[in-house]
Amino acid sequence: LRVPEALFRPSLAGLDVDGLHKLVYNSVLKCDSDLHRELCGNIVLSGGGMMFPGISDRLHSELIKFFPWVMGWIVLVDSPLAFIALSLYLLQLFADLYRE
């Protein structure tokens, strides 16, 4: 069993939950359809579980199955400080979107 695969197929670890790609997919669907493209184009991965080689490419390839038009980028953030900075930037970006 390769540990990263369990992130996408938790049943391999005996868990009855959705994989990472389905969690992202379901989260995007809960938002207004006008935001789907923006959300899919701005995915941030952070934390120890996201440090596996190729995980951002794998997530992208899984999400394309749900959203064939996904051409955005997935950012891998490898430090808490970078995550905070990127989070603040995205909060400002969304605030600007709502003001328009």
N, C-alpha and C. Protein backbone atom coordinates (compact mmCIF):
# COMPACT_ATOMS: atom_id res chain seq x y z
N LEU A 1 0.86 -1.19 0.00
CA LEU A 1 0.00 0.00 0.00
C LEU A 1 0.89 1.24 0.00
N ARG A 2 0.70 2.08 -1.00
CA ARG A 2 1.41 3.34 -1.04
C ARG A 2 0.56 4.37 -0.31
N VAL A 3 1.14 5.02 0.67
CA VAL A 3 0.39 5.95 1.51
C VAL A 3 -0.31 7.04 0.70
N PRO A 4 0.34 7.69 -0.27
CA PRO A 4 -0.36 8.74 -1.01
C PRO A 4 -1.62 8.24 -1.72
N GLU A 5 -1.64 7.00 -2.15
CA GLU A 5 -2.82 6.48 -2.85
C GLU A 5 -4.03 6.46 -1.93
N ALA A 6 -3.79 6.26 -0.64
CA ALA A 6 -4.90 6.25 0.33
C ALA A 6 -5.56 7.62 0.45
N LEU A 7 -4.86 8.67 0.07
CA LEU A 7 -5.48 10.00 0.07
C LEU A 7 -6.56 10.10 -1.00
N PHE A 8 -6.40 9.35 -2.07
CA PHE A 8 -7.37 9.36 -3.16
C PHE A 8 -8.34 8.19 -3.09
N ARG A 9 -7.91 7.11 -2.46
CA ARG A 9 -8.78 5.93 -2.28
C ARG A 9 -8.69 5.47 -0.83
N PRO A 10 -9.37 6.19 0.07
CA PRO A 10 -9.30 5.87 1.50
C PRO A 10 -9.75 4.45 1.84
N SER A 11 -10.50 3.82 0.96
CA SER A 11 -10.93 2.43 1.21
C SER A 11 -9.74 1.49 1.34
N LEU A 12 -8.61 1.85 0.73
CA LEU A 12 -7.39 1.04 0.85
C LEU A 12 -6.90 0.99 2.30
N ALA A 13 -7.25 2.02 3.07
CA ALA A 13 -6.86 2.08 4.49
C ALA A 13 -8.02 1.68 5.39
N GLY A 14 -9.08 1.13 4.77
CA GLY A 14 -10.23 0.69 5.55
C GLY A 14 -11.18 1.78 5.95
N LEU A 15 -11.11 2.93 5.30
CA LEU A 15 -11.97 4.06 5.63
C LEU A 15 -13.09 4.19 4.62
N ASP A 16 -14.28 4.51 5.09
CA ASP A 16 -15.43 4.69 4.22
C ASP A 16 -15.72 6.18 4.06
N VAL A 17 -14.80 6.89 3.44
CA VAL A 17 -14.92 8.33 3.22
C VAL A 17 -14.47 8.64 1.79
N ASP A 18 -14.79 9.84 1.34
CA ASP A 18 -14.37 10.27 0.00
C ASP A 18 -12.88 10.60 -0.01
N GLY A 19 -12.28 10.45 -1.19
CA GLY A 19 -10.89 10.80 -1.38
C GLY A 19 -10.71 12.30 -1.52
N LEU A 20 -9.46 12.73 -1.52
CA LEU A 20 -9.12 14.14 -1.60
C LEU A 20 -9.78 14.81 -2.80
N HIS A 21 -9.71 14.19 -3.97
CA HIS A 21 -10.27 14.79 -5.18
C HIS A 21 -11.78 14.96 -5.08
N LYS A 22 -12.47 14.00 -4.47
CA LYS A 22 -13.93 14.13 -4.32
C LYS A 22 -14.29 15.18 -3.28
N LEU A 23 -13.47 15.33 -2.26
CA LEU A 23 -13.71 16.39 -1.27
C LEU A 23 -13.59 17.77 -1.92
N VAL A 24 -12.57 17.93 -2.75
CA VAL A 24 -12.40 19.20 -3.47
C VAL A 24 -13.59 19.42 -4.40
N TYR A 25 -13.95 18.40 -5.14
CA TYR A 25 -15.06 18.47 -6.09
C TYR A 25 -16.36 18.87 -5.37
N ASN A 26 -16.68 18.20 -4.28
CA ASN A 26 -17.91 18.50 -3.55
C ASN A 26 -17.88 19.90 -2.95
N SER A 27 -16.72 20.36 -2.50
CA SER A 27 -16.60 21.71 -1.96
C SER A 27 -16.86 22.76 -3.03
N VAL A 28 -16.32 22.53 -4.22
CA VAL A 28 -16.52 23.47 -5.33
C VAL A 28 -18.00 23.52 -5.72
N LEU A 29 -18.64 22.36 -5.77
CA LEU A 29 -20.06 22.32 -6.16
C LEU A 29 -20.97 23.03 -5.17
N LYS A 30 -20.56 23.15 -3.93
CA LYS A 30 -21.37 23.83 -2.92
C LYS A 30 -21.35 25.34 -3.09
N CYS A 31 -20.45 25.84 -3.90
CA CYS A 31 -20.34 27.29 -4.15
C CYS A 31 -21.15 27.66 -5.39
N ASP A 32 -21.37 28.96 -5.55
CA ASP A 32 -22.07 29.45 -6.74
C ASP A 32 -21.36 28.97 -8.00
N SER A 33 -22.14 28.60 -8.99
CA SER A 33 -21.55 28.09 -10.23
C SER A 33 -20.66 29.12 -10.91
N ASP A 34 -20.91 30.40 -10.67
CA ASP A 34 -20.07 31.45 -11.24
C ASP A 34 -18.64 31.39 -10.71
N LEU A 35 -18.44 30.77 -9.56
CA LEU A 35 -17.11 30.72 -8.95
C LEU A 35 -16.35 29.44 -9.25
N HIS A 36 -16.98 28.47 -9.89
CA HIS A 36 -16.34 27.17 -10.10
C HIS A 36 -15.00 27.28 -10.82
N ARG A 37 -14.96 28.03 -11.89
CA ARG A 37 -13.70 28.16 -12.64
C ARG A 37 -12.62 28.82 -11.80
N GLU A 38 -13.00 29.86 -11.08
CA GLU A 38 -12.04 30.58 -10.24
C GLU A 38 -11.51 29.68 -9.13
N LEU A 39 -12.39 28.92 -8.50
CA LEU A 39 -11.97 28.03 -7.43
C LEU A 39 -11.07 26.91 -7.95
N CYS A 40 -11.44 26.32 -9.06
CA CYS A 40 -10.63 25.22 -9.61
C CYS A 40 -9.28 25.71 -10.11
N GLY A 41 -9.19 26.96 -10.43
CA GLY A 41 -7.93 27.52 -10.92
C GLY A 41 -7.03 28.02 -9.82
N ASN A 42 -7.49 27.93 -8.58
CA ASN A 42 -6.71 28.46 -7.45
C ASN A 42 -6.77 27.51 -6.27
N ILE A 43 -6.23 26.33 -6.42
CA ILE A 43 -6.22 25.34 -5.36
C ILE A 43 -4.87 25.37 -4.67
N VAL A 44 -4.90 25.42 -3.35
CA VAL A 44 -3.67 25.47 -2.57
C VAL A 44 -3.57 24.21 -1.72
N LEU A 45 -2.46 23.52 -1.81
CA LEU A 45 -2.19 22.34 -0.99
C LEU A 45 -1.15 22.71 0.05
N SER A 46 -1.43 22.34 1.29
CA SER A 46 -0.50 22.67 2.36
C SER A 46 -0.50 21.58 3.41
N GLY A 47 0.61 21.40 4.06
CA GLY A 47 0.70 20.43 5.15
C GLY A 47 1.56 19.24 4.77
N GLY A 48 1.91 18.46 5.76
CA GLY A 48 2.81 17.33 5.57
C GLY A 48 2.31 16.31 4.58
N GLY A 49 1.00 16.05 4.57
CA GLY A 49 0.42 15.07 3.65
C GLY A 49 0.49 15.50 2.20
N MET A 50 0.74 16.77 1.98
CA MET A 50 0.80 17.27 0.61
C MET A 50 2.23 17.32 0.07
N MET A 51 3.18 16.82 0.82
CA MET A 51 4.58 16.86 0.42
C MET A 51 5.01 15.65 -0.41
N PHE A 52 4.10 14.72 -0.64
CA PHE A 52 4.46 13.56 -1.45
C PHE A 52 4.73 13.98 -2.89
N PRO A 53 5.77 13.45 -3.51
CA PRO A 53 6.10 13.82 -4.90
C PRO A 53 4.93 13.52 -5.84
N GLY A 54 4.60 14.49 -6.68
CA GLY A 54 3.58 14.31 -7.70
C GLY A 54 2.15 14.45 -7.23
N ILE A 55 1.93 14.82 -5.97
CA ILE A 55 0.56 14.86 -5.46
C ILE A 55 -0.27 15.95 -6.15
N SER A 56 0.33 17.09 -6.46
CA SER A 56 -0.42 18.15 -7.14
C SER A 56 -0.79 17.72 -8.56
N ASP A 57 0.11 17.02 -9.24
CA ASP A 57 -0.21 16.51 -10.58
C ASP A 57 -1.33 15.47 -10.52
N ARG A 58 -1.29 14.62 -9.51
CA ARG A 58 -2.33 13.60 -9.37
C ARG A 58 -3.68 14.25 -9.09
N LEU A 59 -3.70 15.22 -8.18
CA LEU A 59 -4.96 15.90 -7.88
C LEU A 59 -5.51 16.58 -9.13
N HIS A 60 -4.64 17.22 -9.88
CA HIS A 60 -5.06 17.88 -11.12
C HIS A 60 -5.66 16.87 -12.09
N SER A 61 -5.01 15.73 -12.26
CA SER A 61 -5.52 14.73 -13.22
C SER A 61 -6.85 14.15 -12.75
N GLU A 62 -7.05 14.03 -11.44
CA GLU A 62 -8.34 13.54 -10.93
C GLU A 62 -9.43 14.59 -11.10
N LEU A 63 -9.10 15.85 -10.86
CA LEU A 63 -10.12 16.91 -10.97
C LEU A 63 -10.55 17.13 -12.42
N ILE A 64 -9.65 16.89 -13.37
CA ILE A 64 -10.01 17.04 -14.78
C ILE A 64 -11.14 16.09 -15.16
N LYS A 65 -11.23 14.96 -14.48
CA LYS A 65 -12.34 14.01 -14.74
C LYS A 65 -13.68 14.61 -14.36
N PHE A 66 -13.70 15.44 -13.32
CA PHE A 66 -14.94 16.10 -12.88
C PHE A 66 -15.18 17.40 -13.62
N PHE A 67 -14.11 18.16 -13.82
CA PHE A 67 -14.18 19.47 -14.47
C PHE A 67 -13.23 19.45 -15.67
N PRO A 68 -13.68 19.00 -16.84
CA PRO A 68 -12.78 18.87 -18.00
C PRO A 68 -12.13 20.19 -18.42
N TRP A 69 -12.71 21.30 -18.06
CA TRP A 69 -12.19 22.60 -18.47
C TRP A 69 -11.13 23.13 -17.51
N VAL A 70 -10.76 22.38 -16.47
CA VAL A 70 -9.77 22.86 -15.50
C VAL A 70 -8.42 23.02 -16.18
N MET A 71 -7.98 24.23 -16.29
CA MET A 71 -6.66 24.50 -16.86
C MET A 71 -5.85 25.34 -15.89
N GLY A 72 -6.37 25.53 -14.70
CA GLY A 72 -5.71 26.37 -13.70
C GLY A 72 -4.50 25.70 -13.11
N TRP A 73 -4.10 26.23 -12.00
CA TRP A 73 -2.91 25.72 -11.36
C TRP A 73 -3.22 25.31 -9.95
N ILE A 74 -2.43 24.36 -9.47
CA ILE A 74 -2.52 23.92 -8.09
C ILE A 74 -1.20 24.29 -7.44
N VAL A 75 -1.27 25.08 -6.38
CA VAL A 75 -0.07 25.56 -5.72
C VAL A 75 0.23 24.67 -4.53
N LEU A 76 1.46 24.25 -4.43
CA LEU A 76 1.92 23.46 -3.29
C LEU A 76 2.68 24.39 -2.37
N VAL A 77 2.16 24.58 -1.17
CA VAL A 77 2.78 25.49 -0.20
C VAL A 77 3.50 24.63 0.84
N ASP A 78 4.81 24.85 0.98
CA ASP A 78 5.58 23.97 1.85
C ASP A 78 6.02 24.59 3.17
N SER A 79 5.49 25.76 3.50
CA SER A 79 5.83 26.34 4.80
C SER A 79 4.62 27.09 5.36
N PRO A 80 4.48 27.12 6.68
CA PRO A 80 3.35 27.82 7.28
C PRO A 80 3.31 29.30 6.93
N LEU A 81 4.46 29.94 6.87
CA LEU A 81 4.49 31.37 6.55
C LEU A 81 3.99 31.62 5.13
N ALA A 82 4.41 30.80 4.20
CA ALA A 82 3.94 30.94 2.81
C ALA A 82 2.44 30.71 2.74
N PHE A 83 1.92 29.75 3.52
CA PHE A 83 0.49 29.49 3.53
C PHE A 83 -0.28 30.70 4.04
N ILE A 84 0.21 31.32 5.10
CA ILE A 84 -0.47 32.51 5.65
C ILE A 84 -0.46 33.63 4.64
N ALA A 85 0.67 33.86 4.00
CA ALA A 85 0.77 34.93 3.00
C ALA A 85 -0.17 34.67 1.83
N LEU A 86 -0.21 33.45 1.35
CA LEU A 86 -1.08 33.13 0.23
C LEU A 86 -2.55 33.22 0.64
N SER A 87 -2.87 32.81 1.85
CA SER A 87 -4.25 32.90 2.34
C SER A 87 -4.72 34.35 2.39
N LEU A 88 -3.87 35.23 2.88
CA LEU A 88 -4.22 36.65 2.95
C LEU A 88 -4.42 37.22 1.55
N TYR A 89 -3.56 36.83 0.62
CA TYR A 89 -3.71 37.29 -0.76
C TYR A 89 -5.05 36.83 -1.34
N LEU A 90 -5.40 35.56 -1.13
CA LEU A 90 -6.65 35.03 -1.68
C LEU A 90 -7.86 35.67 -1.03
N LEU A 91 -7.80 35.95 0.27
CA LEU A 91 -8.90 36.65 0.93
C LEU A 91 -9.13 38.01 0.29
N GLN A 92 -8.05 38.72 0.02
CA GLN A 92 -8.17 40.03 -0.62
C GLN A 92 -8.72 39.88 -2.04
N LEU A 93 -8.28 38.86 -2.76
CA LEU A 93 -8.77 38.62 -4.11
C LEU A 93 -10.28 38.38 -4.11
N PHE A 94 -10.76 37.54 -3.19
CA PHE A 94 -12.20 37.28 -3.12
C PHE A 94 -12.97 38.50 -2.66
N ALA A 95 -12.40 39.29 -1.77
CA ALA A 95 -13.07 40.51 -1.33
C ALA A 95 -13.23 41.47 -2.52
N ASP A 96 -12.20 41.57 -3.35
CA ASP A 96 -12.28 42.41 -4.54
C ASP A 96 -13.32 41.90 -5.53
N LEU A 97 -13.44 40.58 -5.67
CA LEU A 97 -14.45 39.99 -6.57
C LEU A 97 -15.87 40.35 -6.13
N TYR A 98 -16.10 40.33 -4.84
CA TYR A 98 -17.44 40.63 -4.33
C TYR A 98 -17.79 42.10 -4.39
N ARG A 99 -16.79 42.96 -4.43
CA ARG A 99 -17.04 44.40 -4.53
C ARG A 99 -17.42 44.82 -5.94
N GLU A 100 -17.04 44.02 -6.92
CA GLU A 100 -17.30 44.39 -8.33
C GLU A 100 -18.74 44.23 -8.70
